[in-house]
């Protein structure tokens, strides 16, 4: 008896290699999906924000950053109004 060392044994390394590559690809995919998502790397349509993106329709990017800082409480109302004047978008 040959106990499994017959004709098909020469290709067994190929199946093991394909299995290891498949597992590695699944782990890589899981890390990308659950570890922060797939980021825009320059391919496909641009996202709503990011480098090279046009400023939002409602104002400049500087105004948007100023609004976000005010919303987080990093700026007082007086500082906010003063910065708006510097940007030329305030009253």
PDB file of N, CA and C in Angstrom:
ATOM      1  N   UNK A   1       0.817  -1.183   0.000  1.00  0.00           N
ATOM      2  CA  UNK A   1       0.000   0.000   0.000  1.00  0.00           C
ATOM      3  C   UNK A   1       0.862   1.249   0.000  1.00  0.00           C
ATOM      4  N   UNK A   2       0.339   2.330  -0.610  1.00  0.00           N
ATOM      5  CA  UNK A   2       1.110   3.555  -0.731  1.00  0.00           C
ATOM      6  C   UNK A   2       0.748   4.591   0.335  1.00  0.00           C
ATOM      7  N   UNK A   3      -0.359   4.485   0.990  1.00  0.00           N
ATOM      8  CA  UNK A   3      -0.806   5.381   2.046  1.00  0.00           C
ATOM      9  C   UNK A   3      -0.815   6.846   1.617  1.00  0.00           C
ATOM     10  N   UNK A   4      -1.336   7.143   0.442  1.00  0.00           N
ATOM     11  CA  UNK A   4      -1.516   8.517   0.009  1.00  0.00           C
ATOM     12  C   UNK A   4      -0.354   9.101  -0.761  1.00  0.00           C
ATOM     13  N   UNK A   5       0.704   8.340  -0.995  1.00  0.00           N
ATOM     14  CA  UNK A   5       1.843   8.868  -1.740  1.00  0.00           C
ATOM     15  C   UNK A   5       1.764   8.465  -3.205  1.00  0.00           C
ATOM     16  N   UNK A   6       0.570   8.554  -3.754  1.00  0.00           N
ATOM     17  CA  UNK A   6       0.344   8.143  -5.131  1.00  0.00           C
ATOM     18  C   UNK A   6       0.566   9.276  -6.110  1.00  0.00           C
ATOM     19  N   UNK A   7      -0.174   9.291  -7.185  1.00  0.00           N
ATOM     20  CA  UNK A   7       0.055  10.210  -8.279  1.00  0.00           C
ATOM     21  C   UNK A   7      -0.200  11.675  -7.927  1.00  0.00           C
ATOM     22  N   UNK A   8      -1.206  12.023  -7.201  1.00  0.00           N
ATOM     23  CA  UNK A   8      -1.572  13.408  -6.967  1.00  0.00           C
ATOM     24  C   UNK A   8      -0.716  14.146  -5.961  1.00  0.00           C
ATOM     25  N   UNK A   9       0.232  13.497  -5.346  1.00  0.00           N
ATOM     26  CA  UNK A   9       0.989  14.106  -4.264  1.00  0.00           C
ATOM     27  C   UNK A   9       1.909  15.230  -4.735  1.00  0.00           C
ATOM     28  N   UNK A  10       2.359  15.226  -5.957  1.00  0.00           N
ATOM     29  CA  UNK A  10       3.265  16.241  -6.455  1.00  0.00           C
ATOM     30  C   UNK A  10       2.650  17.631  -6.508  1.00  0.00           C
ATOM     31  N   UNK A  11       1.344  17.733  -6.600  1.00  0.00           N
ATOM     32  CA  UNK A  11       0.643  19.015  -6.686  1.00  0.00           C
ATOM     33  C   UNK A  11       0.172  19.520  -5.322  1.00  0.00           C
ATOM     34  N   UNK A  12       0.404  18.781  -4.278  1.00  0.00           N
ATOM     35  CA  UNK A  12      -0.090  19.155  -2.955  1.00  0.00           C
ATOM     36  C   UNK A  12       0.509  20.478  -2.481  1.00  0.00           C
ATOM     37  N   UNK A  13       1.767  20.766  -2.803  1.00  0.00           N
ATOM     38  CA  UNK A  13       2.407  22.019  -2.395  1.00  0.00           C
ATOM     39  C   UNK A  13       1.721  23.211  -3.022  1.00  0.00           C
ATOM     40  N   UNK A  14       1.203  23.042  -4.252  1.00  0.00           N
ATOM     41  CA  UNK A  14       0.515  24.136  -4.926  1.00  0.00           C
ATOM     42  C   UNK A  14      -0.771  24.508  -4.191  1.00  0.00           C
ATOM     43  N   UNK A  15      -1.516  23.513  -3.762  1.00  0.00           N
ATOM     44  CA  UNK A  15      -2.757  23.793  -3.019  1.00  0.00           C
ATOM     45  C   UNK A  15      -2.452  24.464  -1.682  1.00  0.00           C
ATOM     46  N   UNK A  16      -1.404  24.030  -1.019  1.00  0.00           N
ATOM     47  CA  UNK A  16      -1.029  24.652   0.252  1.00  0.00           C
ATOM     48  C   UNK A  16      -0.616  26.103   0.037  1.00  0.00           C
ATOM     49  N   UNK A  17       0.126  26.368  -1.028  1.00  0.00           N
ATOM     50  CA  UNK A  17       0.544  27.731  -1.334  1.00  0.00           C
ATOM     51  C   UNK A  17      -0.660  28.613  -1.655  1.00  0.00           C
ATOM     52  N   UNK A  18      -1.587  28.117  -2.459  1.00  0.00           N
ATOM     53  CA  UNK A  18      -2.798  28.879  -2.779  1.00  0.00           C
ATOM     54  C   UNK A  18      -3.638  29.140  -1.529  1.00  0.00           C
ATOM     55  N   UNK A  19      -3.693  28.178  -0.640  1.00  0.00           N
ATOM     56  CA  UNK A  19      -4.439  28.359   0.609  1.00  0.00           C
ATOM     57  C   UNK A  19      -3.799  29.448   1.469  1.00  0.00           C
ATOM     58  N   UNK A  20      -2.481  29.456   1.585  1.00  0.00           N
ATOM     59  CA  UNK A  20      -1.791  30.480   2.371  1.00  0.00           C
ATOM     60  C   UNK A  20      -1.969  31.868   1.751  1.00  0.00           C
ATOM     61  N   UNK A  21      -1.898  31.970   0.440  1.00  0.00           N
ATOM     62  CA  UNK A  21      -2.108  33.256  -0.221  1.00  0.00           C
ATOM     63  C   UNK A  21      -3.537  33.738  -0.003  1.00  0.00           C
ATOM     64  N   UNK A  22      -4.496  32.841  -0.094  1.00  0.00           N
ATOM     65  CA  UNK A  22      -5.890  33.207   0.138  1.00  0.00           C
ATOM     66  C   UNK A  22      -6.130  33.707   1.550  1.00  0.00           C
ATOM     67  N   UNK A  23      -5.540  33.042   2.530  1.00  0.00           N
ATOM     68  CA  UNK A  23      -5.692  33.471   3.923  1.00  0.00           C
ATOM     69  C   UNK A  23      -5.041  34.839   4.127  1.00  0.00           C
ATOM     70  N   UNK A  24      -3.855  35.045   3.546  1.00  0.00           N
ATOM     71  CA  UNK A  24      -3.176  36.336   3.673  1.00  0.00           C
ATOM     72  C   UNK A  24      -4.016  37.452   3.047  1.00  0.00           C
ATOM     73  N   UNK A  25      -4.627  37.198   1.900  1.00  0.00           N
ATOM     74  CA  UNK A  25      -5.471  38.211   1.261  1.00  0.00           C
ATOM     75  C   UNK A  25      -6.715  38.520   2.096  1.00  0.00           C
ATOM     76  N   UNK A  26      -7.291  37.509   2.700  1.00  0.00           N
ATOM     77  CA  UNK A  26      -8.451  37.748   3.570  1.00  0.00           C
ATOM     78  C   UNK A  26      -8.074  38.577   4.798  1.00  0.00           C
ATOM     79  N   UNK A  27      -6.920  38.294   5.376  1.00  0.00           N
ATOM     80  CA  UNK A  27      -6.468  39.077   6.530  1.00  0.00           C
ATOM     81  C   UNK A  27      -6.204  40.519   6.115  1.00  0.00           C
ATOM     82  N   UNK A  28      -5.560  40.709   4.967  1.00  0.00           N
ATOM     83  CA  UNK A  28      -5.296  42.058   4.470  1.00  0.00           C
ATOM     84  C   UNK A  28      -6.593  42.824   4.218  1.00  0.00           C
ATOM     85  N   UNK A  29      -7.557  42.169   3.620  1.00  0.00           N
ATOM     86  CA  UNK A  29      -8.853  42.802   3.370  1.00  0.00           C
ATOM     87  C   UNK A  29      -9.549  43.165   4.676  1.00  0.00           C
ATOM     88  N   UNK A  30      -9.507  42.269   5.653  1.00  0.00           N
ATOM     89  CA  UNK A  30     -10.139  42.545   6.942  1.00  0.00           C
ATOM     90  C   UNK A  30      -9.480  43.728   7.646  1.00  0.00           C
ATOM     91  N   UNK A  31      -8.154  43.817   7.565  1.00  0.00           N
ATOM     92  CA  UNK A  31      -7.447  44.935   8.199  1.00  0.00           C
ATOM     93  C   UNK A  31      -7.831  46.245   7.528  1.00  0.00           C
ATOM     94  N   UNK A  32      -7.922  46.255   6.202  1.00  0.00           N
ATOM     95  CA  UNK A  32      -8.280  47.487   5.493  1.00  0.00           C
ATOM     96  C   UNK A  32      -9.718  47.902   5.770  1.00  0.00           C
ATOM     97  N   UNK A  33     -10.625  46.949   5.833  1.00  0.00           N
ATOM     98  CA  UNK A  33     -12.035  47.284   6.033  1.00  0.00           C
ATOM     99  C   UNK A  33     -12.291  47.717   7.472  1.00  0.00           C
ATOM    100  N   UNK A  34     -11.773  46.960   8.433  1.00  0.00           N
ATOM    101  CA  UNK A  34     -12.065  47.260   9.830  1.00  0.00           C
ATOM    102  C   UNK A  34     -11.060  48.204  10.463  1.00  0.00           C
ATOM    103  N   UNK A  35      -9.982  48.501   9.799  1.00  0.00           N
ATOM    104  CA  UNK A  35      -8.949  49.353  10.375  1.00  0.00           C
ATOM    105  C   UNK A  35      -8.985  50.773   9.847  1.00  0.00           C
ATOM    106  N   UNK A  36     -10.118  51.299   9.526  1.00  0.00           N
ATOM    107  CA  UNK A  36     -10.210  52.674   9.074  1.00  0.00           C
ATOM    108  C   UNK A  36     -10.758  52.822   7.674  1.00  0.00           C
ATOM    109  N   UNK A  37     -11.100  51.748   7.042  1.00  0.00           N
ATOM    110  CA  UNK A  37     -11.694  51.838   5.720  1.00  0.00           C
ATOM    111  C   UNK A  37     -10.681  52.003   4.614  1.00  0.00           C
ATOM    112  N   UNK A  38     -11.173  51.955   3.442  1.00  0.00           N
ATOM    113  CA  UNK A  38     -10.342  52.127   2.263  1.00  0.00           C
ATOM    114  C   UNK A  38     -10.275  53.616   1.967  1.00  0.00           C
ATOM    115  N   UNK A  39      -9.069  54.146   1.887  1.00  0.00           N
ATOM    116  CA  UNK A  39      -8.896  55.582   1.667  1.00  0.00           C
ATOM    117  C   UNK A  39      -8.743  55.880   0.193  1.00  0.00           C
ATOM    118  N   UNK A  40      -9.087  57.099  -0.170  1.00  0.00           N
ATOM    119  CA  UNK A  40      -8.942  57.529  -1.548  1.00  0.00           C
ATOM    120  C   UNK A  40      -7.460  57.745  -1.836  1.00  0.00           C
ATOM    121  N   UNK A  41      -6.916  57.000  -2.787  1.00  0.00           N
ATOM    122  CA  UNK A  41      -5.507  57.113  -3.115  1.00  0.00           C
ATOM    123  C   UNK A  41      -5.283  57.781  -4.465  1.00  0.00           C
ATOM    124  N   UNK A  42      -6.235  58.573  -4.915  1.00  0.00           N
ATOM    125  CA  UNK A  42      -6.082  59.278  -6.174  1.00  0.00           C
ATOM    126  C   UNK A  42      -6.834  58.646  -7.318  1.00  0.00           C
ATOM    127  N   UNK A  43      -7.381  57.475  -7.101  1.00  0.00           N
ATOM    128  CA  UNK A  43      -8.138  56.803  -8.139  1.00  0.00           C
ATOM    129  C   UNK A  43      -9.622  56.951  -7.861  1.00  0.00           C
ATOM    130  N   UNK A  44     -10.394  57.106  -8.876  1.00  0.00           N
ATOM    131  CA  UNK A  44     -11.826  57.232  -8.720  1.00  0.00           C
ATOM    132  C   UNK A  44     -12.231  58.665  -8.455  1.00  0.00           C
ATOM    133  N   UNK A  45     -13.510  58.880  -8.220  1.00  0.00           N
ATOM    134  CA  UNK A  45     -13.991  60.242  -8.002  1.00  0.00           C
ATOM    135  C   UNK A  45     -13.499  60.790  -6.674  1.00  0.00           C
ATOM    136  N   UNK A  46     -13.218  62.091  -6.601  1.00  0.00           N
ATOM    137  CA  UNK A  46     -12.736  62.674  -5.354  1.00  0.00           C
ATOM    138  C   UNK A  46     -13.838  62.704  -4.309  1.00  0.00           C
ATOM    139  N   UNK A  47     -13.419  62.666  -3.058  1.00  0.00           N
ATOM    140  CA  UNK A  47     -14.366  62.743  -1.958  1.00  0.00           C
ATOM    141  C   UNK A  47     -14.788  64.181  -1.722  1.00  0.00           C
ATOM    142  N   UNK A  48     -15.676  64.395  -0.759  1.00  0.00           N
ATOM    143  CA  UNK A  48     -16.141  65.746  -0.493  1.00  0.00           C
ATOM    144  C   UNK A  48     -15.072  66.640   0.115  1.00  0.00           C
ATOM    145  N   UNK A  49     -14.057  66.064   0.737  1.00  0.00           N
ATOM    146  CA  UNK A  49     -12.983  66.847   1.337  1.00  0.00           C
ATOM    147  C   UNK A  49     -11.668  66.183   1.014  1.00  0.00           C
ATOM    148  N   UNK A  50     -10.607  66.867   1.276  1.00  0.00           N
ATOM    149  CA  UNK A  50      -9.284  66.300   1.064  1.00  0.00           C
ATOM    150  C   UNK A  50      -8.426  67.239   0.250  1.00  0.00           C
ATOM    151  N   UNK A  51      -7.165  66.893   0.115  1.00  0.00           N
ATOM    152  CA  UNK A  51      -6.283  67.761  -0.648  1.00  0.00           C
ATOM    153  C   UNK A  51      -6.702  67.817  -2.111  1.00  0.00           C
ATOM    154  N   UNK A  52      -6.682  68.998  -2.660  1.00  0.00           N
ATOM    155  CA  UNK A  52      -7.046  69.158  -4.051  1.00  0.00           C
ATOM    156  C   UNK A  52      -8.531  69.322  -4.283  1.00  0.00           C
ATOM    157  N   UNK A  53      -9.310  69.179  -3.240  1.00  0.00           N
ATOM    158  CA  UNK A  53     -10.753  69.315  -3.394  1.00  0.00           C
ATOM    159  C   UNK A  53     -11.115  70.795  -3.470  1.00  0.00           C
ATOM    160  N   UNK A  54     -12.103  71.150  -4.259  1.00  0.00           N
ATOM    161  CA  UNK A  54     -12.505  72.549  -4.324  1.00  0.00           C
ATOM    162  C   UNK A  54     -13.122  72.983  -3.008  1.00  0.00           C
ATOM    163  N   UNK A  55     -13.084  74.270  -2.696  1.00  0.00           N
ATOM    164  CA  UNK A  55     -13.683  74.734  -1.446  1.00  0.00           C
ATOM    165  C   UNK A  55     -15.186  74.499  -1.467  1.00  0.00           C
ATOM    166  N   UNK A  56     -15.787  74.334  -0.306  1.00  0.00           N
ATOM    167  CA  UNK A  56     -17.221  74.120  -0.256  1.00  0.00           C
ATOM    168  C   UNK A  56     -17.973  75.304  -0.849  1.00  0.00           C
ATOM    169  N   UNK A  57     -19.173  75.030  -1.321  1.00  0.00           N
ATOM    170  CA  UNK A  57     -19.970  76.049  -1.997  1.00  0.00           C
ATOM    171  C   UNK A  57     -20.324  77.184  -1.043  1.00  0.00           C
ATOM    172  N   UNK A  58     -20.561  76.874   0.227  1.00  0.00           N
ATOM    173  CA  UNK A  58     -21.004  77.874   1.183  1.00  0.00           C
ATOM    174  C   UNK A  58     -19.908  78.784   1.700  1.00  0.00           C
ATOM    175  N   UNK A  59     -18.665  78.621   1.333  1.00  0.00           N
ATOM    176  CA  UNK A  59     -17.584  79.461   1.830  1.00  0.00           C
ATOM    177  C   UNK A  59     -16.248  78.804   1.601  1.00  0.00           C
ATOM    178  N   UNK A  60     -15.208  79.462   2.108  1.00  0.00           N
ATOM    179  CA  UNK A  60     -13.858  78.952   1.899  1.00  0.00           C
ATOM    180  C   UNK A  60     -13.531  77.856   2.903  1.00  0.00           C
ATOM    181  N   UNK A  61     -12.435  77.165   2.654  1.00  0.00           N
ATOM    182  CA  UNK A  61     -11.981  76.120   3.568  1.00  0.00           C
ATOM    183  C   UNK A  61     -11.569  76.735   4.903  1.00  0.00           C
ATOM    184  N   UNK A  62     -10.981  77.938   4.869  1.00  0.00           N
ATOM    185  CA  UNK A  62     -10.598  78.611   6.112  1.00  0.00           C
ATOM    186  C   UNK A  62     -11.823  78.902   6.968  1.00  0.00           C
ATOM    187  N   UNK A  63     -12.901  79.304   6.331  1.00  0.00           N
ATOM    188  CA  UNK A  63     -14.143  79.582   7.072  1.00  0.00           C
ATOM    189  C   UNK A  63     -14.687  78.296   7.673  1.00  0.00           C
ATOM    190  N   UNK A  64     -14.592  77.216   6.925  1.00  0.00           N
ATOM    191  CA  UNK A  64     -15.088  75.935   7.429  1.00  0.00           C
ATOM    192  C   UNK A  64     -14.285  75.489   8.655  1.00  0.00           C
ATOM    193  N   UNK A  65     -12.962  75.657   8.607  1.00  0.00           N
ATOM    194  CA  UNK A  65     -12.118  75.297   9.756  1.00  0.00           C
ATOM    195  C   UNK A  65     -12.451  76.182  10.951  1.00  0.00           C
ATOM    196  N   UNK A  66     -12.662  77.465  10.699  1.00  0.00           N
ATOM    197  CA  UNK A  66     -13.021  78.386  11.771  1.00  0.00           C
ATOM    198  C   UNK A  66     -14.347  77.987  12.412  1.00  0.00           C
ATOM    199  N   UNK A  67     -15.319  77.627  11.588  1.00  0.00           N
ATOM    200  CA  UNK A  67     -16.616  77.179  12.107  1.00  0.00           C
ATOM    201  C   UNK A  67     -16.469  75.920  12.958  1.00  0.00           C
ATOM    202  N   UNK A  68     -15.635  74.990  12.502  1.00  0.00           N
ATOM    203  CA  UNK A  68     -15.433  73.748  13.255  1.00  0.00           C
ATOM    204  C   UNK A  68     -14.766  74.020  14.599  1.00  0.00           C
ATOM    205  N   UNK A  69     -13.768  74.905  14.612  1.00  0.00           N
ATOM    206  CA  UNK A  69     -13.094  75.235  15.875  1.00  0.00           C
ATOM    207  C   UNK A  69     -14.052  75.919  16.848  1.00  0.00           C
ATOM    208  N   UNK A  70     -14.912  76.796  16.329  1.00  0.00           N
ATOM    209  CA  UNK A  70     -15.898  77.458  17.186  1.00  0.00           C
ATOM    210  C   UNK A  70     -16.895  76.446  17.733  1.00  0.00           C
ATOM    211  N   UNK A  71     -17.304  75.496  16.895  1.00  0.00           N
ATOM    212  CA  UNK A  71     -18.263  74.479  17.331  1.00  0.00           C
ATOM    213  C   UNK A  71     -17.663  73.567  18.403  1.00  0.00           C
ATOM    214  N   UNK A  72     -16.357  73.305  18.331  1.00  0.00           N
ATOM    215  CA  UNK A  72     -15.711  72.467  19.340  1.00  0.00           C
ATOM    216  C   UNK A  72     -15.412  73.224  20.622  1.00  0.00           C
ATOM    217  N   UNK A  73     -15.595  74.538  20.624  1.00  0.00           N
ATOM    218  CA  UNK A  73     -15.348  75.330  21.821  1.00  0.00           C
ATOM    219  C   UNK A  73     -13.920  75.810  21.950  1.00  0.00           C
ATOM    220  N   UNK A  74     -13.139  75.721  20.889  1.00  0.00           N
ATOM    221  CA  UNK A  74     -11.751  76.182  20.941  1.00  0.00           C
ATOM    222  C   UNK A  74     -11.655  77.699  20.852  1.00  0.00           C
ATOM    223  N   UNK A  75     -12.686  78.355  20.341  1.00  0.00           N
ATOM    224  CA  UNK A  75     -12.701  79.805  20.187  1.00  0.00           C
ATOM    225  C   UNK A  75     -13.897  80.390  20.927  1.00  0.00           C
ATOM    226  N   UNK A  76     -13.700  81.582  21.491  1.00  0.00           N
ATOM    227  CA  UNK A  76     -14.832  82.306  22.075  1.00  0.00           C
ATOM    228  C   UNK A  76     -15.575  83.018  20.949  1.00  0.00           C
ATOM    229  N   UNK A  77     -16.734  83.560  21.277  1.00  0.00           N
ATOM    230  CA  UNK A  77     -17.528  84.265  20.268  1.00  0.00           C
ATOM    231  C   UNK A  77     -16.783  85.497  19.748  1.00  0.00           C
ATOM    232  N   UNK A  78     -16.076  86.192  20.638  1.00  0.00           N
ATOM    233  CA  UNK A  78     -15.314  87.372  20.203  1.00  0.00           C
ATOM    234  C   UNK A  78     -14.164  86.990  19.270  1.00  0.00           C
ATOM    235  N   UNK A  79     -13.454  85.914  19.611  1.00  0.00           N
ATOM    236  CA  UNK A  79     -12.368  85.450  18.752  1.00  0.00           C
ATOM    237  C   UNK A  79     -12.915  85.013  17.391  1.00  0.00           C
ATOM    238  N   UNK A  80     -14.060  84.365  17.411  1.00  0.00           N
ATOM    239  CA  UNK A  80     -14.683  83.909  16.166  1.00  0.00           C
ATOM    240  C   UNK A  80     -15.010  85.100  15.257  1.00  0.00           C
ATOM    241  N   UNK A  81     -15.657  86.114  15.828  1.00  0.00           N
ATOM    242  CA  UNK A  81     -16.021  87.294  15.031  1.00  0.00           C
ATOM    243  C   UNK A  81     -14.777  88.029  14.518  1.00  0.00           C
ATOM    244  N   UNK A  82     -13.743  88.106  15.355  1.00  0.00           N
ATOM    245  CA  UNK A  82     -12.508  88.766  14.943  1.00  0.00           C
ATOM    246  C   UNK A  82     -11.845  88.019  13.777  1.00  0.00           C
ATOM    247  N   UNK A  83     -11.822  86.707  13.864  1.00  0.00           N
ATOM    248  CA  UNK A  83     -11.238  85.916  12.782  1.00  0.00           C
ATOM    249  C   UNK A  83     -12.069  86.008  11.504  1.00  0.00           C
ATOM    250  N   UNK A  84     -13.373  86.124  11.648  1.00  0.00           N
ATOM    251  CA  UNK A  84     -14.214  86.311  10.462  1.00  0.00           C
ATOM    252  C   UNK A  84     -13.877  87.619   9.757  1.00  0.00           C
ATOM    253  N   UNK A  85     -13.621  88.641  10.543  1.00  0.00           N
ATOM    254  CA  UNK A  85     -13.241  89.934   9.948  1.00  0.00           C
ATOM    255  C   UNK A  85     -11.906  89.819   9.212  1.00  0.00           C
ATOM    256  N   UNK A  86     -10.959  89.087   9.804  1.00  0.00           N
ATOM    257  CA  UNK A  86      -9.663  88.900   9.162  1.00  0.00           C
ATOM    258  C   UNK A  86      -9.830  88.172   7.831  1.00  0.00           C
ATOM    259  N   UNK A  87     -10.740  87.210   7.789  1.00  0.00           N
ATOM    260  CA  UNK A  87     -10.995  86.484   6.551  1.00  0.00           C
ATOM    261  C   UNK A  87     -11.787  87.312   5.539  1.00  0.00           C
ATOM    262  N   UNK A  88     -12.373  88.387   6.011  1.00  0.00           N
ATOM    263  CA  UNK A  88     -13.174  89.212   5.109  1.00  0.00           C
ATOM    264  C   UNK A  88     -14.563  88.661   4.887  1.00  0.00           C
ATOM    265  N   UNK A  89     -15.016  87.808   5.785  1.00  0.00           N
ATOM    266  CA  UNK A  89     -16.338  87.207   5.639  1.00  0.00           C
ATOM    267  C   UNK A  89     -17.278  87.589   6.772  1.00  0.00           C
ATOM    268  N   UNK A  90     -16.819  88.450   7.646  1.00  0.00           N
ATOM    269  CA  UNK A  90     -17.642  88.795   8.797  1.00  0.00           C
ATOM    270  C   UNK A  90     -18.378  90.113   8.607  1.00  0.00           C
ATOM    271  N   UNK A  91     -19.178  90.472   9.610  1.00  0.00           N
ATOM    272  CA  UNK A  91     -19.949  91.734   9.550  1.00  0.00           C
ATOM    273  C   UNK A  91     -19.077  92.960   9.712  1.00  0.00           C
TER     274      UNK A  91
END
